N, C-alpha and C. Protein backbone atom coordinates (compact mmCIF):
# COMPACT_ATOMS: atom_id res chain seq x y z
N MET A 1 0.82 -1.09 0.08
CA MET A 1 0.25 -0.18 0.00
C MET A 1 0.82 1.18 0.11
N ALA A 2 0.67 2.23 -1.30
CA ALA A 2 1.21 3.28 -1.22
C ALA A 2 0.77 4.23 -0.25
N PHE A 3 1.71 5.31 0.39
CA PHE A 3 0.97 6.45 1.45
C PHE A 3 1.24 7.44 0.66
N ILE A 4 0.27 8.54 0.81
CA ILE A 4 0.14 9.94 0.06
C ILE A 4 0.99 10.27 0.74
N GLN A 5 2.27 10.94 -0.22
CA GLN A 5 3.27 12.55 0.36
C GLN A 5 2.64 13.42 0.14
N GLU A 6 2.67 14.24 1.42
CA GLU A 6 2.05 15.50 1.60
C GLU A 6 3.15 16.24 0.85
N TYR A 7 2.45 17.64 0.43
CA TYR A 7 3.52 18.57 -0.48
C TYR A 7 4.41 19.01 0.22
N THR A 8 5.59 19.20 -0.27
CA THR A 8 6.93 20.02 0.60
C THR A 8 7.11 21.41 0.95
N SER A 9 7.46 21.89 1.80
CA SER A 9 6.83 23.25 1.97
C SER A 9 7.31 24.41 0.68
N LEU A 10 8.06 24.09 -0.19
CA LEU A 10 8.46 24.63 -0.76
C LEU A 10 7.25 24.88 -1.84
N TYR A 11 6.43 23.65 -1.62
CA TYR A 11 5.29 23.80 -3.17
C TYR A 11 4.65 24.86 -2.30
N LYS A 12 4.31 24.44 -1.14
CA LYS A 12 3.26 24.92 -0.29
C LYS A 12 3.11 26.17 -0.30
N THR A 13 4.16 26.75 -0.67
CA THR A 13 4.84 28.59 -0.39
C THR A 13 5.04 29.18 -1.58
N ALA A 14 4.99 27.98 -2.83
CA ALA A 14 4.81 28.64 -4.26
C ALA A 14 3.14 28.77 -4.04
N LEU A 15 2.59 28.03 -3.98
CA LEU A 15 1.20 27.83 -4.39
C LEU A 15 0.64 29.16 -3.51
N SER A 16 0.88 29.35 -1.88
CA SER A 16 0.44 30.22 -1.08
C SER A 16 0.25 31.33 -1.67
N ASP A 17 1.88 31.53 -2.05
CA ASP A 17 2.36 32.88 -3.00
C ASP A 17 1.80 33.46 -4.20
N LEU A 18 0.97 32.55 -4.84
CA LEU A 18 0.24 32.43 -6.28
C LEU A 18 -1.21 33.16 -6.24
N GLN A 19 -2.15 32.19 -4.67
CA GLN A 19 -3.32 32.17 -4.38
C GLN A 19 -3.20 33.97 -3.98
N GLY A 20 -2.09 34.17 -3.18
CA GLY A 20 -1.86 35.92 -2.92
C GLY A 20 -2.20 36.78 -3.69
N ALA A 21 -1.57 36.31 -4.43
CA ALA A 21 -0.93 37.12 -6.39
C ALA A 21 -2.85 37.39 -6.92
N TRP A 22 -3.28 36.02 -7.04
CA TRP A 22 -4.65 36.68 -7.48
C TRP A 22 -5.29 36.86 -6.71
N GLU A 23 -5.88 36.90 -5.31
CA GLU A 23 -6.57 37.49 -4.16
C GLU A 23 -5.96 39.25 -4.60
N ILE A 24 -5.07 39.38 -4.68
CA ILE A 24 -4.22 40.82 -4.93
C ILE A 24 -4.96 41.61 -5.81
N LEU A 25 -5.14 40.71 -7.28
CA LEU A 25 -5.71 41.04 -8.42
C LEU A 25 -7.16 41.26 -8.44
N ARG A 26 -8.05 40.72 -7.88
CA ARG A 26 -9.03 40.30 -7.52
C ARG A 26 -9.54 41.81 -6.35
N ASP A 27 -8.74 42.01 -5.53
CA ASP A 27 -9.04 43.15 -4.64
C ASP A 27 -9.13 44.29 -6.04
N ALA A 28 -8.06 44.31 -6.59
CA ALA A 28 -7.37 45.07 -7.13
C ALA A 28 -8.50 45.35 -8.39
N VAL A 29 -9.21 44.93 -8.97
CA VAL A 29 -10.34 44.86 -10.03
C VAL A 29 -11.57 45.66 -8.31
N VAL A 30 -11.49 45.02 -8.18
CA VAL A 30 -13.09 45.09 -6.95
C VAL A 30 -13.26 46.84 -6.67
N ALA A 31 -11.56 47.06 -6.83
CA ALA A 31 -11.62 48.60 -6.05
C ALA A 31 -12.17 49.13 -7.09
N HIS A 32 -11.32 49.10 -8.42
CA HIS A 32 -11.68 49.98 -8.90
C HIS A 32 -12.94 49.57 -10.35
N HIS A 33 -13.56 48.64 -10.22
CA HIS A 33 -14.74 48.49 -10.49
C HIS A 33 -16.21 49.81 -10.61
N PRO A 34 -16.47 50.27 -10.97
CA PRO A 34 -16.87 49.80 -12.64
C PRO A 34 -15.73 50.18 -13.94
N PHE A 35 -15.28 50.01 -14.58
CA PHE A 35 -14.34 50.39 -15.22
C PHE A 35 -14.36 49.24 -16.63
N GLN A 36 -14.60 49.71 -17.70
CA GLN A 36 -14.79 48.98 -18.97
C GLN A 36 -14.82 47.18 -19.06
N ASP A 37 -15.23 46.43 -18.87
CA ASP A 37 -15.04 45.20 -18.95
C ASP A 37 -14.39 44.67 -17.65
N SER A 38 -14.84 45.49 -16.78
CA SER A 38 -14.06 44.71 -15.39
C SER A 38 -15.16 43.30 -15.09
N GLY A 39 -16.39 43.59 -15.03
CA GLY A 39 -17.25 42.11 -15.03
C GLY A 39 -16.78 40.96 -15.63
N ARG A 40 -16.12 40.87 -16.74
CA ARG A 40 -15.77 40.16 -17.66
C ARG A 40 -14.42 39.69 -16.52
N ILE A 41 -13.55 40.74 -16.48
CA ILE A 41 -12.05 40.23 -15.84
C ILE A 41 -12.12 39.59 -14.31
N LEU A 42 -13.66 40.01 -13.65
CA LEU A 42 -13.95 39.24 -12.40
C LEU A 42 -14.21 37.97 -12.70
N PHE A 43 -15.02 37.38 -13.79
CA PHE A 43 -15.63 36.45 -13.76
C PHE A 43 -13.87 35.59 -14.68
N HIS A 44 -13.38 35.84 -15.04
CA HIS A 44 -12.37 35.09 -15.42
C HIS A 44 -11.07 34.88 -14.34
N ILE A 45 -11.11 36.34 -13.53
CA ILE A 45 -10.24 35.53 -12.37
C ILE A 45 -10.96 34.36 -11.41
N ASP A 46 -12.01 34.38 -11.06
CA ASP A 46 -12.96 33.78 -10.09
C ASP A 46 -12.13 32.29 -11.03
N GLU A 47 -13.03 31.73 -12.40
CA GLU A 47 -11.98 31.40 -13.05
C GLU A 47 -10.37 30.92 -12.91
N GLY A 48 -10.48 31.36 -12.61
CA GLY A 48 -8.47 30.96 -12.82
C GLY A 48 -8.23 31.33 -11.11
N MET A 49 -8.98 31.28 -10.14
CA MET A 49 -8.78 31.24 -8.93
C MET A 49 -9.82 29.40 -8.34
N SER A 50 -10.05 28.98 -9.20
CA SER A 50 -11.16 27.76 -8.75
C SER A 50 -10.15 26.41 -8.82
N TRP A 51 -10.68 26.02 -7.84
CA TRP A 51 -10.06 24.55 -7.71
C TRP A 51 -9.39 23.71 -8.84
N GLU A 52 -10.25 23.76 -10.24
CA GLU A 52 -9.81 23.27 -11.42
C GLU A 52 -8.76 23.79 -11.87
N ALA A 53 -8.54 25.51 -11.58
CA ALA A 53 -7.40 25.55 -12.16
C ALA A 53 -5.89 25.26 -11.24
N VAL A 54 -6.28 25.34 -10.01
CA VAL A 54 -5.46 25.59 -9.13
C VAL A 54 -4.30 23.56 -9.57
N ARG A 55 -5.84 23.10 -9.74
CA ARG A 55 -5.10 21.27 -10.91
C ARG A 55 -4.85 21.74 -11.89
N ASP A 56 -5.27 22.19 -12.50
CA ASP A 56 -4.10 22.37 -14.18
C ASP A 56 -3.56 24.22 -14.22
N LEU A 57 -2.06 23.61 -13.73
CA LEU A 57 -1.64 25.22 -14.32
C LEU A 57 -1.73 25.87 -15.50
N GLU A 58 -1.19 24.66 -16.28
CA GLU A 58 -1.80 25.60 -17.52
C GLU A 58 -3.15 25.78 -18.06
N TYR A 59 -4.08 25.64 -17.58
CA TYR A 59 -5.64 26.07 -17.90
C TYR A 59 -5.25 27.45 -17.09
N MET A 60 -4.79 27.61 -15.73
CA MET A 60 -4.70 29.02 -15.17
C MET A 60 -4.19 30.04 -16.12
N LYS A 61 -2.91 29.10 -16.52
CA LYS A 61 -1.95 29.68 -17.25
C LYS A 61 -2.63 30.66 -18.75
N LYS A 62 -4.10 29.56 -18.77
CA LYS A 62 -4.08 30.47 -20.58
C LYS A 62 -5.79 31.53 -19.92
N THR A 63 -6.27 31.08 -18.83
CA THR A 63 -7.14 32.13 -17.85
C THR A 63 -6.60 33.52 -18.02
N LEU A 64 -5.62 33.22 -17.47
CA LEU A 64 -4.50 34.73 -16.87
C LEU A 64 -4.49 35.39 -18.23
N ILE A 65 -3.51 34.60 -19.53
CA ILE A 65 -3.32 34.86 -20.72
C ILE A 65 -4.71 35.72 -20.97
N LEU A 66 -5.87 35.30 -20.93
CA LEU A 66 -7.53 35.79 -21.67
C LEU A 66 -7.47 37.46 -20.65
N ILE A 67 -6.79 36.82 -19.25
CA ILE A 67 -7.68 38.51 -18.55
C ILE A 67 -6.60 39.51 -19.40
N ARG A 68 -5.49 39.26 -19.25
CA ARG A 68 -4.22 39.86 -19.83
C ARG A 68 -4.67 41.07 -21.13
N ASN A 69 -5.41 40.45 -22.13
CA ASN A 69 -5.60 40.55 -23.52
C ASN A 69 -6.81 41.39 -23.36
N ILE A 70 -8.13 41.09 -22.16
CA ILE A 70 -9.16 41.85 -21.84
C ILE A 70 -8.74 42.94 -21.42
N ALA A 71 -7.49 43.12 -20.40
CA ALA A 71 -6.82 44.65 -19.95
C ALA A 71 -6.49 45.21 -20.92
N ASN A 72 -5.37 44.68 -21.31
CA ASN A 72 -5.05 45.45 -22.83
C ASN A 72 -5.56 45.97 -23.97
N GLN A 73 -6.66 45.44 -24.18
CA GLN A 73 -8.05 46.10 -25.19
C GLN A 73 -8.29 47.31 -24.48
N ASN A 74 -8.71 47.83 -23.13
CA ASN A 74 -9.50 48.16 -22.68
C ASN A 74 -8.33 49.32 -22.10
N GLN A 75 -9.05 50.85 -21.07
CA GLN A 75 -8.49 51.36 -20.04
C GLN A 75 -8.41 50.79 -19.14
N THR A 76 -7.67 50.08 -18.61
CA THR A 76 -7.93 49.34 -17.36
C THR A 76 -6.73 50.34 -16.43
N PRO A 77 -6.94 50.44 -15.12
CA PRO A 77 -6.58 50.65 -14.24
C PRO A 77 -4.99 50.67 -14.17
N GLN A 78 -4.13 51.23 -14.29
CA GLN A 78 -2.50 50.16 -14.11
C GLN A 78 -2.64 49.77 -12.68
N ASP A 79 -2.94 49.78 -11.41
CA ASP A 79 -3.14 48.77 -10.32
C ASP A 79 -3.59 48.09 -10.56
N VAL A 80 -4.40 47.41 -11.93
CA VAL A 80 -4.86 45.94 -12.18
C VAL A 80 -3.97 45.40 -13.04
N VAL A 81 -2.92 46.24 -13.71
CA VAL A 81 -2.48 45.88 -14.91
C VAL A 81 -1.27 45.58 -14.05
N ASP A 82 -0.70 46.47 -13.52
CA ASP A 82 0.14 45.73 -12.22
C ASP A 82 -0.05 44.11 -11.21
N SER A 83 -1.56 44.21 -11.04
CA SER A 83 -1.48 42.93 -10.33
C SER A 83 -2.14 42.08 -11.46
N ILE A 84 -1.95 41.99 -12.43
CA ILE A 84 -2.05 40.73 -13.64
C ILE A 84 -0.59 40.57 -13.58
N GLU A 85 0.30 41.48 -13.87
CA GLU A 85 1.87 40.66 -13.99
C GLU A 85 1.94 40.11 -12.73
N HIS A 86 2.00 40.76 -11.22
CA HIS A 86 2.25 39.86 -10.06
C HIS A 86 2.00 38.97 -10.27
N VAL A 87 0.44 38.33 -10.94
CA VAL A 87 0.62 36.74 -11.01
C VAL A 87 0.92 36.57 -11.74
N TRP A 88 1.41 36.73 -13.00
CA TRP A 88 2.07 36.13 -13.90
C TRP A 88 3.25 35.80 -13.63
N LEU A 89 4.08 36.19 -12.48
CA LEU A 89 5.53 36.98 -12.51
C LEU A 89 5.39 35.22 -11.22
N ASN A 90 4.72 35.18 -10.39
CA ASN A 90 4.34 33.91 -9.32
C ASN A 90 4.07 32.91 -10.28
N LEU A 91 2.74 32.83 -11.11
CA LEU A 91 2.71 31.42 -12.03
C LEU A 91 4.13 30.97 -12.61
N GLN A 92 4.91 32.06 -12.98
CA GLN A 92 5.89 31.94 -14.14
C GLN A 92 7.02 30.94 -12.78
N GLU A 93 7.07 31.27 -11.74
CA GLU A 93 7.86 30.95 -10.44
C GLU A 93 7.42 29.49 -10.00
N VAL A 94 5.91 29.65 -9.94
CA VAL A 94 5.86 28.27 -10.03
C VAL A 94 5.87 27.29 -10.92
N PHE A 95 5.95 27.12 -12.21
CA PHE A 95 6.42 26.43 -13.67
C PHE A 95 8.22 26.07 -13.44
N GLU A 96 8.79 27.21 -13.00
CA GLU A 96 10.04 27.27 -12.66
C GLU A 96 10.84 26.32 -12.09
N ALA A 97 10.02 26.83 -10.71
CA ALA A 97 10.08 25.79 -9.74
C ALA A 97 9.61 24.67 -10.37
N ILE A 98 8.62 23.72 -10.76
CA ILE A 98 8.36 22.78 -11.62
C ILE A 98 9.12 21.59 -12.15
N GLY A 99 9.56 23.06 -13.36
CA GLY A 99 10.96 22.61 -14.20
C GLY A 99 12.10 22.04 -14.01
N HIS A 100 12.75 22.81 -12.78
CA HIS A 100 13.70 21.99 -11.60
C HIS A 100 13.76 21.24 -10.56
N GLY A 101 12.69 20.86 -11.15
CA GLY A 101 12.63 19.56 -9.93
C GLY A 101 12.18 19.73 -8.29
N GLU A 102 11.96 21.25 -7.94
CA GLU A 102 12.24 21.44 -6.99
C GLU A 102 11.10 21.50 -6.48
N ILE A 103 9.61 21.38 -7.30
CA ILE A 103 8.21 20.59 -6.44
C ILE A 103 8.28 20.11 -7.78
N GLY A 104 6.57 19.86 -7.31
CA GLY A 104 5.98 18.40 -8.03
C GLY A 104 5.21 17.74 -7.35
């Protein structure tokens, strides 16, 4: 019988940082709401933060790219744009750590 291993602290920290970045992004959009397509952005943020997206980081990445594209097509507040980039950087750090075998 195999035992399920608990994730390493590095993995938990990386995902926690990523979750925090998503929450900061959501808070930024809510703080500036309403602006053009803010409702669409909020919908996709909730999708990106969903359990399904956490279990499939490639799906999360696609959702974040969609959010970035919506924001780039509109006059999105700079705070929101900066928060999108913060999520992007955190997601890239998770992918890098997985690629280096540090987490996974």
